PDB file of N, CA and C in Angstrom:
ATOM      1  N   MET A   1      11.473  -4.883   0.797  1.00  0.00           N
ATOM      2  CA  MET A   1      10.442  -4.389   1.672  1.00  0.00           C
ATOM      3  C   MET A   1       9.219  -4.064   0.820  1.00  0.00           C
ATOM      4  N   LYS A   2       8.048  -4.352   1.390  1.00  0.00           N
ATOM      5  CA  LYS A   2       6.796  -4.083   0.696  1.00  0.00           C
ATOM      6  C   LYS A   2       6.027  -2.995   1.440  1.00  0.00           C
ATOM      7  N   PHE A   3       5.320  -2.191   0.660  1.00  0.00           N
ATOM      8  CA  PHE A   3       4.481  -1.140   1.221  1.00  0.00           C
ATOM      9  C   PHE A   3       3.048  -1.314   0.733  1.00  0.00           C
ATOM     10  N   LEU A   4       2.118  -1.157   1.640  1.00  0.00           N
ATOM     11  CA  LEU A   4       0.706  -1.064   1.302  1.00  0.00           C
ATOM     12  C   LEU A   4       0.332   0.385   1.566  1.00  0.00           C
ATOM     13  N   VAL A   5       0.008   1.122   0.511  1.00  0.00           N
ATOM     14  CA  VAL A   5      -0.224   2.556   0.663  1.00  0.00           C
ATOM     15  C   VAL A   5      -1.694   2.914   0.497  1.00  0.00           C
ATOM     16  N   ASP A   6      -2.111   3.864   1.293  1.00  0.00           N
ATOM     17  CA  ASP A   6      -3.476   4.363   1.288  1.00  0.00           C
ATOM     18  C   ASP A   6      -3.706   5.236   0.054  1.00  0.00           C
ATOM     19  N   GLN A   7      -4.947   5.567  -0.187  1.00  0.00           N
ATOM     20  CA  GLN A   7      -5.323   6.371  -1.360  1.00  0.00           C
ATOM     21  C   GLN A   7      -4.766   7.786  -1.308  1.00  0.00           C
ATOM     22  N   ASP A   8      -4.362   8.240  -0.139  1.00  0.00           N
ATOM     23  CA  ASP A   8      -3.842   9.602  -0.009  1.00  0.00           C
ATOM     24  C   ASP A   8      -2.406   9.752  -0.493  1.00  0.00           C
ATOM     25  N   VAL A   9      -1.759   8.651  -0.813  1.00  0.00           N
ATOM     26  CA  VAL A   9      -0.380   8.705  -1.310  1.00  0.00           C
ATOM     27  C   VAL A   9      -0.434   8.983  -2.811  1.00  0.00           C
ATOM     28  N   TYR A  10       0.280  10.011  -3.229  1.00  0.00           N
ATOM     29  CA  TYR A  10       0.284  10.393  -4.643  1.00  0.00           C
ATOM     30  C   TYR A  10       0.885   9.303  -5.518  1.00  0.00           C
ATOM     31  N   ARG A  11       0.365   9.179  -6.731  1.00  0.00           N
ATOM     32  CA  ARG A  11       0.859   8.200  -7.708  1.00  0.00           C
ATOM     33  C   ARG A  11       2.343   8.414  -7.982  1.00  0.00           C
ATOM     34  N   VAL A  12       2.788   9.656  -8.027  1.00  0.00           N
ATOM     35  CA  VAL A  12       4.201   9.929  -8.288  1.00  0.00           C
ATOM     36  C   VAL A  12       5.070   9.329  -7.177  1.00  0.00           C
ATOM     37  N   THR A  13       4.574   9.311  -5.950  1.00  0.00           N
ATOM     38  CA  THR A  13       5.313   8.710  -4.837  1.00  0.00           C
ATOM     39  C   THR A  13       5.376   7.200  -4.998  1.00  0.00           C
ATOM     40  N   VAL A  14       4.255   6.605  -5.383  1.00  0.00           N
ATOM     41  CA  VAL A  14       4.218   5.159  -5.634  1.00  0.00           C
ATOM     42  C   VAL A  14       5.211   4.803  -6.738  1.00  0.00           C
ATOM     43  N   ASP A  15       5.187   5.544  -7.831  1.00  0.00           N
ATOM     44  CA  ASP A  15       6.097   5.294  -8.949  1.00  0.00           C
ATOM     45  C   ASP A  15       7.547   5.474  -8.535  1.00  0.00           C
ATOM     46  N   PHE A  16       7.816   6.478  -7.711  1.00  0.00           N
ATOM     47  CA  PHE A  16       9.178   6.735  -7.230  1.00  0.00           C
ATOM     48  C   PHE A  16       9.681   5.550  -6.411  1.00  0.00           C
ATOM     49  N   LEU A  17       8.863   5.084  -5.470  1.00  0.00           N
ATOM     50  CA  LEU A  17       9.261   3.951  -4.634  1.00  0.00           C
ATOM     51  C   LEU A  17       9.460   2.692  -5.464  1.00  0.00           C
ATOM     52  N   ARG A  18       8.584   2.470  -6.421  1.00  0.00           N
ATOM     53  CA  ARG A  18       8.743   1.314  -7.309  1.00  0.00           C
ATOM     54  C   ARG A  18      10.021   1.435  -8.121  1.00  0.00           C
ATOM     55  N   GLY A  19      10.335   2.646  -8.557  1.00  0.00           N
ATOM     56  CA  GLY A  19      11.568   2.883  -9.307  1.00  0.00           C
ATOM     57  C   GLY A  19      12.823   2.591  -8.496  1.00  0.00           C
ATOM     58  N   LEU A  20      12.710   2.712  -7.183  1.00  0.00           N
ATOM     59  CA  LEU A  20      13.837   2.400  -6.292  1.00  0.00           C
ATOM     60  C   LEU A  20      13.903   0.908  -5.970  1.00  0.00           C
ATOM     61  N   GLY A  21      12.937   0.154  -6.471  1.00  0.00           N
ATOM     62  CA  GLY A  21      12.955  -1.287  -6.284  1.00  0.00           C
ATOM     63  C   GLY A  21      12.063  -1.814  -5.176  1.00  0.00           C
ATOM     64  N   TYR A  22      11.291  -0.939  -4.542  1.00  0.00           N
ATOM     65  CA  TYR A  22      10.382  -1.386  -3.498  1.00  0.00           C
ATOM     66  C   TYR A  22       9.105  -1.951  -4.115  1.00  0.00           C
ATOM     67  N   GLU A  23       8.517  -2.912  -3.442  1.00  0.00           N
ATOM     68  CA  GLU A  23       7.231  -3.445  -3.860  1.00  0.00           C
ATOM     69  C   GLU A  23       6.156  -2.598  -3.195  1.00  0.00           C
ATOM     70  N   VAL A  24       5.323  -1.971  -4.008  1.00  0.00           N
ATOM     71  CA  VAL A  24       4.289  -1.077  -3.499  1.00  0.00           C
ATOM     72  C   VAL A  24       2.942  -1.541  -4.033  1.00  0.00           C
ATOM     73  N   GLU A  25       2.008  -1.743  -3.112  1.00  0.00           N
ATOM     74  CA  GLU A  25       0.642  -2.105  -3.488  1.00  0.00           C
ATOM     75  C   GLU A  25      -0.271  -0.997  -2.986  1.00  0.00           C
ATOM     76  N   THR A  26      -1.090  -0.476  -3.883  1.00  0.00           N
ATOM     77  CA  THR A  26      -2.015   0.582  -3.490  1.00  0.00           C
ATOM     78  C   THR A  26      -3.280  -0.029  -2.895  1.00  0.00           C
ATOM     79  N   ALA A  27      -4.024   0.792  -2.173  1.00  0.00           N
ATOM     80  CA  ALA A  27      -5.283   0.334  -1.594  1.00  0.00           C
ATOM     81  C   ALA A  27      -6.213  -0.183  -2.695  1.00  0.00           C
ATOM     82  N   GLN A  28      -6.241   0.503  -3.810  1.00  0.00           N
ATOM     83  CA  GLN A  28      -7.098   0.080  -4.921  1.00  0.00           C
ATOM     84  C   GLN A  28      -6.663  -1.279  -5.460  1.00  0.00           C
ATOM     85  N   GLU A  29      -5.367  -1.479  -5.641  1.00  0.00           N
ATOM     86  CA  GLU A  29      -4.862  -2.758  -6.138  1.00  0.00           C
ATOM     87  C   GLU A  29      -5.162  -3.903  -5.171  1.00  0.00           C
ATOM     88  N   ALA A  30      -5.210  -3.592  -3.877  1.00  0.00           N
ATOM     89  CA  ALA A  30      -5.459  -4.595  -2.843  1.00  0.00           C
ATOM     90  C   ALA A  30      -6.948  -4.814  -2.587  1.00  0.00           C
ATOM     91  N   GLY A  31      -7.794  -4.067  -3.289  1.00  0.00           N
ATOM     92  CA  GLY A  31      -9.226  -4.191  -3.080  1.00  0.00           C
ATOM     93  C   GLY A  31      -9.690  -3.536  -1.790  1.00  0.00           C
ATOM     94  N   LEU A  32      -8.939  -2.543  -1.329  1.00  0.00           N
ATOM     95  CA  LEU A  32      -9.243  -1.881  -0.066  1.00  0.00           C
ATOM     96  C   LEU A  32      -9.615  -0.412  -0.245  1.00  0.00           C
ATOM     97  N   SER A  33     -10.009  -0.032  -1.439  1.00  0.00           N
ATOM     98  CA  SER A  33     -10.264   1.385  -1.695  1.00  0.00           C
ATOM     99  C   SER A  33     -11.424   1.943  -0.877  1.00  0.00           C
ATOM    100  N   ARG A  34     -12.340   1.094  -0.449  1.00  0.00           N
ATOM    101  CA  ARG A  34     -13.476   1.554   0.359  1.00  0.00           C
ATOM    102  C   ARG A  34     -13.389   1.068   1.807  1.00  0.00           C
ATOM    103  N   ALA A  35     -12.248   0.512   2.166  1.00  0.00           N
ATOM    104  CA  ALA A  35     -12.094  -0.042   3.517  1.00  0.00           C
ATOM    105  C   ALA A  35     -11.962   1.077   4.548  1.00  0.00           C
ATOM    106  N   ALA A  36     -12.460   0.803   5.731  1.00  0.00           N
ATOM    107  CA  ALA A  36     -12.277   1.725   6.855  1.00  0.00           C
ATOM    108  C   ALA A  36     -10.801   1.718   7.251  1.00  0.00           C
ATOM    109  N   ASP A  37     -10.361   2.796   7.875  1.00  0.00           N
ATOM    110  CA  ASP A  37      -8.962   2.899   8.288  1.00  0.00           C
ATOM    111  C   ASP A  37      -8.531   1.706   9.128  1.00  0.00           C
ATOM    112  N   GLU A  38      -9.391   1.262  10.030  1.00  0.00           N
ATOM    113  CA  GLU A  38      -9.058   0.143  10.902  1.00  0.00           C
ATOM    114  C   GLU A  38      -8.775  -1.125  10.098  1.00  0.00           C
ATOM    115  N   GLU A  39      -9.623  -1.399   9.103  1.00  0.00           N
ATOM    116  CA  GLU A  39      -9.418  -2.586   8.268  1.00  0.00           C
ATOM    117  C   GLU A  39      -8.130  -2.468   7.471  1.00  0.00           C
ATOM    118  N   PHE A  40      -7.878  -1.285   6.931  1.00  0.00           N
ATOM    119  CA  PHE A  40      -6.664  -1.062   6.151  1.00  0.00           C
ATOM    120  C   PHE A  40      -5.425  -1.318   7.014  1.00  0.00           C
ATOM    121  N   LEU A  41      -5.429  -0.789   8.228  1.00  0.00           N
ATOM    122  CA  LEU A  41      -4.290  -0.957   9.122  1.00  0.00           C
ATOM    123  C   LEU A  41      -4.118  -2.405   9.567  1.00  0.00           C
ATOM    124  N   GLU A  42      -5.206  -3.130   9.701  1.00  0.00           N
ATOM    125  CA  GLU A  42      -5.118  -4.543  10.072  1.00  0.00           C
ATOM    126  C   GLU A  42      -4.561  -5.399   8.944  1.00  0.00           C
ATOM    127  N   ARG A  43      -4.850  -5.038   7.722  1.00  0.00           N
ATOM    128  CA  ARG A  43      -4.442  -5.849   6.570  1.00  0.00           C
ATOM    129  C   ARG A  43      -2.970  -5.699   6.224  1.00  0.00           C
ATOM    130  N   GLY A  44      -2.374  -4.550   6.504  1.00  0.00           N
ATOM    131  CA  GLY A  44      -0.974  -4.316   6.155  1.00  0.00           C
ATOM    132  C   GLY A  44      -0.020  -5.361   6.703  1.00  0.00           C
ATOM    133  N   PRO A  45      -0.013  -5.583   8.008  1.00  0.00           N
ATOM    134  CA  PRO A  45       0.929  -6.567   8.579  1.00  0.00           C
ATOM    135  C   PRO A  45       0.658  -8.006   8.133  1.00  0.00           C
ATOM    136  N   GLU A  46      -0.544  -8.296   7.644  1.00  0.00           N
ATOM    137  CA  GLU A  46      -0.858  -9.640   7.174  1.00  0.00           C
ATOM    138  C   GLU A  46      -0.087  -9.993   5.907  1.00  0.00           C
ATOM    139  N   ARG A  47       0.295  -8.985   5.165  1.00  0.00           N
ATOM    140  CA  ARG A  47       1.014  -9.210   3.918  1.00  0.00           C
ATOM    141  C   ARG A  47       2.479  -9.506   4.240  1.00  0.00           C
ATOM    142  N   GLU A  48       3.026 -10.514   3.593  1.00  0.00           N
ATOM    143  CA  GLU A  48       4.389 -10.933   3.881  1.00  0.00           C
ATOM    144  C   GLU A  48       5.383  -9.803   3.644  1.00  0.00           C
ATOM    145  N   GLY A  49       6.122  -9.455   4.670  1.00  0.00           N
ATOM    146  CA  GLY A  49       7.138  -8.408   4.559  1.00  0.00           C
ATOM    147  C   GLY A  49       6.556  -7.016   4.449  1.00  0.00           C
ATOM    148  N   GLY A  50       5.289  -6.845   4.744  1.00  0.00           N
ATOM    149  CA  GLY A  50       4.623  -5.562   4.539  1.00  0.00           C
ATOM    150  C   GLY A  50       4.834  -4.558   5.638  1.00  0.00           C
ATOM    151  N   CYS A  51       4.673  -3.309   5.269  1.00  0.00           N
ATOM    152  CA  CYS A  51       4.752  -2.186   6.217  1.00  0.00           C
ATOM    153  C   CYS A  51       3.461  -1.409   6.152  1.00  0.00           C
TER     154      CYS A  51
END
């Protein structure tokens, strides 16, 4: 399972999920750090297997 996480998610949470074997992409890594909430929410399901 893959997660696209917003900037409000703590780095320790991202690291924890990655440590459990989940694929986690941050908003910054996805180039969405300045995106509006609507754009961010639209982009998540576009990613294969994303939540």
